[in-house]
Amino acid sequence: MTARVTLYTRPGCHLCDDARVLIERVCAELGEHYDEISIAGDPELERRFGHEVPVTLVDGQQHDYWRVDPARLRAALS
């Protein structure tokens, strides 16, 4: 099954940990899946997202960065 949500993270990021919990909860409620991708060690991802992690994409489009708003995520997935 293809994930509609992608979460870009880096190790040791407390905002990433918070975002993961919210995304897991919303995706479970709606029967959706998500992928998590670490930007650590990938120069292109570090350049693109380094100052904004966690970054959330929905259907391939950037949706949020730094914080995840669960209501906004639910609306985007509905």
N, C-alpha and C. Protein backbone atom coordinates (compact mmCIF):
# COMPACT_ATOMS: atom_id res chain seq x y z
N MET A 1 0.85 -1.18 0.00
CA MET A 1 0.00 0.00 0.00
C MET A 1 0.89 1.24 0.00
N THR A 2 0.53 2.22 -0.78
CA THR A 2 1.30 3.45 -0.89
C THR A 2 0.92 4.40 0.24
N ALA A 3 1.94 4.95 0.87
CA ALA A 3 1.72 5.91 1.95
C ALA A 3 1.40 7.28 1.37
N ARG A 4 0.38 7.92 1.92
CA ARG A 4 0.02 9.27 1.49
C ARG A 4 0.80 10.32 2.26
N VAL A 5 1.33 9.95 3.42
CA VAL A 5 2.05 10.87 4.27
C VAL A 5 3.52 10.45 4.33
N THR A 6 4.41 11.43 4.20
CA THR A 6 5.84 11.20 4.35
C THR A 6 6.34 12.15 5.42
N LEU A 7 7.10 11.60 6.36
CA LEU A 7 7.67 12.39 7.44
C LEU A 7 9.19 12.36 7.31
N TYR A 8 9.79 13.53 7.09
CA TYR A 8 11.25 13.65 7.03
C TYR A 8 11.74 14.05 8.42
N THR A 9 12.70 13.28 8.94
CA THR A 9 13.19 13.47 10.29
C THR A 9 14.71 13.43 10.33
N ARG A 10 15.25 13.63 11.53
CA ARG A 10 16.66 13.38 11.79
C ARG A 10 16.76 12.79 13.20
N PRO A 11 17.75 11.95 13.43
CA PRO A 11 17.92 11.35 14.76
C PRO A 11 18.12 12.42 15.84
N GLY A 12 17.55 12.18 17.01
CA GLY A 12 17.71 13.08 18.13
C GLY A 12 16.86 14.33 18.09
N CYS A 13 15.93 14.40 17.19
CA CYS A 13 15.07 15.58 17.02
C CYS A 13 13.78 15.38 17.83
N HIS A 14 13.63 16.17 18.92
CA HIS A 14 12.44 16.01 19.75
C HIS A 14 11.16 16.44 19.02
N LEU A 15 11.24 17.42 18.13
CA LEU A 15 10.06 17.79 17.34
C LEU A 15 9.66 16.67 16.41
N CYS A 16 10.65 15.94 15.91
CA CYS A 16 10.37 14.78 15.04
C CYS A 16 9.64 13.70 15.83
N ASP A 17 10.06 13.48 17.07
CA ASP A 17 9.38 12.50 17.92
C ASP A 17 7.93 12.89 18.15
N ASP A 18 7.70 14.17 18.43
CA ASP A 18 6.32 14.65 18.63
C ASP A 18 5.49 14.49 17.36
N ALA A 19 6.08 14.85 16.21
CA ALA A 19 5.36 14.75 14.94
C ALA A 19 5.00 13.30 14.64
N ARG A 20 5.93 12.39 14.90
CA ARG A 20 5.69 10.96 14.63
C ARG A 20 4.47 10.46 15.40
N VAL A 21 4.38 10.83 16.68
CA VAL A 21 3.25 10.39 17.52
C VAL A 21 1.93 10.89 16.93
N LEU A 22 1.88 12.15 16.56
CA LEU A 22 0.64 12.72 16.00
C LEU A 22 0.29 12.09 14.66
N ILE A 23 1.28 11.92 13.81
CA ILE A 23 1.04 11.33 12.48
C ILE A 23 0.58 9.89 12.62
N GLU A 24 1.22 9.13 13.51
CA GLU A 24 0.79 7.75 13.74
C GLU A 24 -0.67 7.70 14.17
N ARG A 25 -1.04 8.59 15.08
CA ARG A 25 -2.41 8.61 15.60
C ARG A 25 -3.42 8.95 14.51
N VAL A 26 -3.17 10.02 13.76
CA VAL A 26 -4.10 10.44 12.72
C VAL A 26 -4.19 9.39 11.61
N CYS A 27 -3.07 8.85 11.19
CA CYS A 27 -3.09 7.82 10.14
C CYS A 27 -3.84 6.58 10.61
N ALA A 28 -3.65 6.18 11.86
CA ALA A 28 -4.38 5.02 12.39
C ALA A 28 -5.88 5.27 12.40
N GLU A 29 -6.28 6.47 12.80
CA GLU A 29 -7.71 6.83 12.83
C GLU A 29 -8.33 6.74 11.44
N LEU A 30 -7.57 7.16 10.42
CA LEU A 30 -8.11 7.26 9.07
C LEU A 30 -7.76 6.08 8.18
N GLY A 31 -7.05 5.10 8.71
CA GLY A 31 -6.66 3.94 7.91
C GLY A 31 -5.62 4.27 6.85
N GLU A 32 -4.81 5.27 7.11
CA GLU A 32 -3.76 5.67 6.19
C GLU A 32 -2.41 5.14 6.67
N HIS A 33 -1.44 5.19 5.79
CA HIS A 33 -0.09 4.77 6.12
C HIS A 33 0.84 5.96 5.93
N TYR A 34 2.00 5.89 6.62
CA TYR A 34 2.99 6.94 6.43
C TYR A 34 4.37 6.30 6.32
N ASP A 35 5.26 7.01 5.65
CA ASP A 35 6.67 6.63 5.56
C ASP A 35 7.48 7.65 6.33
N GLU A 36 8.53 7.18 6.98
CA GLU A 36 9.44 8.08 7.67
C GLU A 36 10.81 7.95 7.01
N ILE A 37 11.40 9.08 6.69
CA ILE A 37 12.69 9.11 6.01
C ILE A 37 13.62 10.02 6.80
N SER A 38 14.77 9.49 7.19
CA SER A 38 15.77 10.29 7.88
C SER A 38 16.59 11.07 6.86
N ILE A 39 16.81 12.34 7.14
CA ILE A 39 17.63 13.15 6.24
C ILE A 39 19.12 13.02 6.57
N ALA A 40 19.43 12.36 7.68
CA ALA A 40 20.82 12.22 8.12
C ALA A 40 21.63 11.47 7.07
N GLY A 41 22.75 12.05 6.70
CA GLY A 41 23.65 11.41 5.75
C GLY A 41 23.28 11.57 4.29
N ASP A 42 22.22 12.29 4.00
CA ASP A 42 21.81 12.52 2.62
C ASP A 42 21.97 14.02 2.33
N PRO A 43 23.03 14.42 1.65
CA PRO A 43 23.29 15.84 1.43
C PRO A 43 22.14 16.59 0.77
N GLU A 44 21.47 15.97 -0.17
CA GLU A 44 20.36 16.64 -0.86
C GLU A 44 19.19 16.88 0.09
N LEU A 45 18.83 15.86 0.89
CA LEU A 45 17.74 16.03 1.85
C LEU A 45 18.13 17.02 2.94
N GLU A 46 19.39 16.99 3.38
CA GLU A 46 19.87 17.97 4.37
C GLU A 46 19.74 19.39 3.82
N ARG A 47 20.11 19.57 2.56
CA ARG A 47 20.01 20.90 1.94
C ARG A 47 18.55 21.34 1.85
N ARG A 48 17.70 20.41 1.46
CA ARG A 48 16.29 20.74 1.21
C ARG A 48 15.50 20.95 2.51
N PHE A 49 15.74 20.09 3.51
CA PHE A 49 14.90 20.10 4.71
C PHE A 49 15.65 20.38 6.01
N GLY A 50 16.95 20.58 5.95
CA GLY A 50 17.78 20.64 7.15
C GLY A 50 17.33 21.59 8.24
N HIS A 51 16.79 22.73 7.89
CA HIS A 51 16.38 23.72 8.89
C HIS A 51 14.90 23.64 9.23
N GLU A 52 14.19 22.70 8.64
CA GLU A 52 12.74 22.66 8.83
C GLU A 52 12.24 21.35 9.43
N VAL A 53 13.10 20.35 9.66
CA VAL A 53 12.60 19.07 10.17
C VAL A 53 11.94 19.24 11.53
N PRO A 54 10.91 18.49 11.77
CA PRO A 54 10.31 17.52 10.87
C PRO A 54 9.51 18.20 9.77
N VAL A 55 9.53 17.59 8.60
CA VAL A 55 8.76 18.06 7.46
C VAL A 55 7.77 16.98 7.09
N THR A 56 6.52 17.37 6.91
CA THR A 56 5.46 16.43 6.55
C THR A 56 4.97 16.74 5.14
N LEU A 57 4.91 15.69 4.32
CA LEU A 57 4.33 15.80 2.98
C LEU A 57 3.05 14.98 2.95
N VAL A 58 2.05 15.48 2.27
CA VAL A 58 0.81 14.73 2.02
C VAL A 58 0.64 14.66 0.52
N ASP A 59 0.53 13.45 0.03
CA ASP A 59 0.39 13.21 -1.42
C ASP A 59 1.50 13.90 -2.21
N GLY A 60 2.71 13.89 -1.63
CA GLY A 60 3.88 14.42 -2.33
C GLY A 60 4.08 15.92 -2.23
N GLN A 61 3.17 16.63 -1.57
CA GLN A 61 3.27 18.08 -1.43
C GLN A 61 3.58 18.44 0.02
N GLN A 62 4.48 19.42 0.21
CA GLN A 62 4.81 19.81 1.57
C GLN A 62 3.57 20.34 2.27
N HIS A 63 3.34 19.81 3.47
CA HIS A 63 2.14 20.12 4.23
C HIS A 63 2.48 20.94 5.49
N ASP A 64 3.44 20.48 6.27
CA ASP A 64 3.83 21.14 7.50
C ASP A 64 5.33 21.03 7.69
N TYR A 65 5.87 21.88 8.56
CA TYR A 65 7.22 21.70 9.05
C TYR A 65 7.26 22.18 10.50
N TRP A 66 8.21 21.68 11.25
CA TRP A 66 8.41 21.92 12.68
C TRP A 66 7.32 21.30 13.53
N ARG A 67 6.09 21.60 13.30
CA ARG A 67 4.98 21.07 14.12
C ARG A 67 3.90 20.50 13.20
N VAL A 68 3.20 19.50 13.71
CA VAL A 68 2.09 18.90 12.97
C VAL A 68 0.79 19.28 13.68
N ASP A 69 -0.12 19.84 12.91
CA ASP A 69 -1.46 20.17 13.42
C ASP A 69 -2.37 18.99 13.06
N PRO A 70 -2.80 18.21 14.05
CA PRO A 70 -3.59 17.02 13.73
C PRO A 70 -4.88 17.31 12.98
N ALA A 71 -5.57 18.40 13.31
CA ALA A 71 -6.81 18.74 12.61
C ALA A 71 -6.53 19.07 11.15
N ARG A 72 -5.47 19.79 10.92
CA ARG A 72 -5.10 20.15 9.54
C ARG A 72 -4.69 18.91 8.76
N LEU A 73 -3.98 17.99 9.40
CA LEU A 73 -3.59 16.74 8.73
C LEU A 73 -4.82 15.90 8.40
N ARG A 74 -5.74 15.78 9.35
CA ARG A 74 -6.98 15.03 9.09
C ARG A 74 -7.72 15.62 7.88
N ALA A 75 -7.82 16.94 7.83
CA ALA A 75 -8.52 17.60 6.72
C ALA A 75 -7.82 17.32 5.41
N ALA A 76 -6.51 17.33 5.38
CA ALA A 76 -5.76 17.07 4.14
C ALA A 76 -5.94 15.64 3.67
N LEU A 77 -6.14 14.73 4.60
CA LEU A 77 -6.28 13.31 4.25
C LEU A 77 -7.73 12.92 3.95
N SER A 78 -8.68 13.81 4.23
CA SER A 78 -10.10 13.51 4.01
C SER A 78 -10.51 13.79 2.59
